[in-house]
Amino acid sequence: MQNKLSGVVRFTQQAISDLDRRRRVRCRDAMILREHFYGSLYAAHSPLPDQDACQG
């Protein structure tokens, strides 16, 4: 049980560090990633909040 729990903790810490890294990705790169994940058509027509952040 202890071993399984430490694996979950390690996985959670890795996920948090990945999120933190992603947050630092430049805006343009974030848009490219979003297009890659959702398809360019979806990305072009989805008014997501981070799109506004890219204007400045």
C-alpha atoms as a PDB file:
ATOM      1  CA  MET A   1       0.000   0.000   0.000  1.00  0.00           C
ATOM      2  CA  GLN A   2       2.804   2.407   0.902  1.00  0.00           C
ATOM      3  CA  ASN A   3       4.487   1.730  -2.432  1.00  0.00           C
ATOM      4  CA  LYS A   4       1.303   2.435  -4.384  1.00  0.00           C
ATOM      5  CA  LEU A   5       0.749   5.668  -2.467  1.00  0.00           C
ATOM      6  CA  SER A   6       4.254   6.947  -3.188  1.00  0.00           C
ATOM      7  CA  GLY A   7       3.685   6.209  -6.875  1.00  0.00           C
ATOM      8  CA  VAL A   8       0.519   8.307  -6.827  1.00  0.00           C
ATOM      9  CA  VAL A   9       2.352  11.146  -5.091  1.00  0.00           C
ATOM     10  CA  ARG A  10       5.170  11.008  -7.642  1.00  0.00           C
ATOM     11  CA  PHE A  11       2.670  11.010 -10.513  1.00  0.00           C
ATOM     12  CA  THR A  12       0.833  14.000  -9.010  1.00  0.00           C
ATOM     13  CA  GLN A  13       4.038  15.976  -8.530  1.00  0.00           C
ATOM     14  CA  GLN A  14       5.036  15.237 -12.130  1.00  0.00           C
ATOM     15  CA  ALA A  15       1.655  16.403 -13.409  1.00  0.00           C
ATOM     16  CA  ILE A  16       1.888  19.619 -11.388  1.00  0.00           C
ATOM     17  CA  SER A  17       5.394  20.329 -12.667  1.00  0.00           C
ATOM     18  CA  ASP A  18       4.213  19.686 -16.250  1.00  0.00           C
ATOM     19  CA  LEU A  19       1.348  22.146 -15.759  1.00  0.00           C
ATOM     20  CA  ASP A  20       3.737  24.724 -14.348  1.00  0.00           C
ATOM     21  CA  ARG A  21       6.059  24.268 -17.308  1.00  0.00           C
ATOM     22  CA  ARG A  22       3.157  24.593 -19.714  1.00  0.00           C
ATOM     23  CA  ARG A  23       2.040  27.803 -18.046  1.00  0.00           C
ATOM     24  CA  ARG A  24       5.412  29.337 -18.900  1.00  0.00           C
ATOM     25  CA  VAL A  25       5.148  28.410 -22.563  1.00  0.00           C
ATOM     26  CA  ARG A  26       4.998  31.479 -24.768  1.00  0.00           C
ATOM     27  CA  CYS A  27       1.566  32.440 -25.988  1.00  0.00           C
ATOM     28  CA  ARG A  28       2.278  31.651 -29.627  1.00  0.00           C
ATOM     29  CA  ASP A  29       3.508  28.192 -28.698  1.00  0.00           C
ATOM     30  CA  ALA A  30       0.398  27.652 -26.618  1.00  0.00           C
ATOM     31  CA  MET A  31      -1.768  28.441 -29.639  1.00  0.00           C
ATOM     32  CA  ILE A  32       0.223  26.013 -31.791  1.00  0.00           C
ATOM     33  CA  LEU A  33      -0.166  23.319 -29.130  1.00  0.00           C
ATOM     34  CA  ARG A  34      -3.895  23.958 -28.936  1.00  0.00           C
ATOM     35  CA  GLU A  35      -4.205  23.653 -32.702  1.00  0.00           C
ATOM     36  CA  HIS A  36      -2.273  20.408 -32.556  1.00  0.00           C
ATOM     37  CA  PHE A  37      -4.526  18.959 -29.860  1.00  0.00           C
ATOM     38  CA  TYR A  38      -7.915  20.216 -31.014  1.00  0.00           C
ATOM     39  CA  GLY A  39      -7.407  20.594 -34.745  1.00  0.00           C
ATOM     40  CA  SER A  40      -6.852  23.896 -36.526  1.00  0.00           C
ATOM     41  CA  LEU A  41     -10.537  24.389 -37.352  1.00  0.00           C
ATOM     42  CA  TYR A  42     -11.576  24.065 -33.713  1.00  0.00           C
ATOM     43  CA  ALA A  43      -8.717  26.271 -32.528  1.00  0.00           C
ATOM     44  CA  ALA A  44      -9.547  28.974 -35.060  1.00  0.00           C
ATOM     45  CA  HIS A  45     -13.183  29.184 -33.954  1.00  0.00           C
ATOM     46  CA  SER A  46     -12.955  28.635 -30.214  1.00  0.00           C
ATOM     47  CA  PRO A  47     -13.039  31.871 -28.196  1.00  0.00           C
ATOM     48  CA  LEU A  48     -10.979  30.557 -25.313  1.00  0.00           C
ATOM     49  CA  PRO A  49      -9.754  33.053 -22.674  1.00  0.00           C
ATOM     50  CA  ASP A  50      -6.077  32.531 -23.470  1.00  0.00           C
ATOM     51  CA  GLN A  51      -6.745  33.848 -26.974  1.00  0.00           C
ATOM     52  CA  ASP A  52      -7.355  37.304 -25.487  1.00  0.00           C
ATOM     53  CA  ALA A  53      -4.134  37.104 -23.488  1.00  0.00           C
ATOM     54  CA  CYS A  54      -2.235  36.685 -26.746  1.00  0.00           C
ATOM     55  CA  GLN A  55      -3.316  40.036 -28.154  1.00  0.00           C
ATOM     56  CA  GLY A  56      -1.051  42.016 -25.846  1.00  0.00           C
END
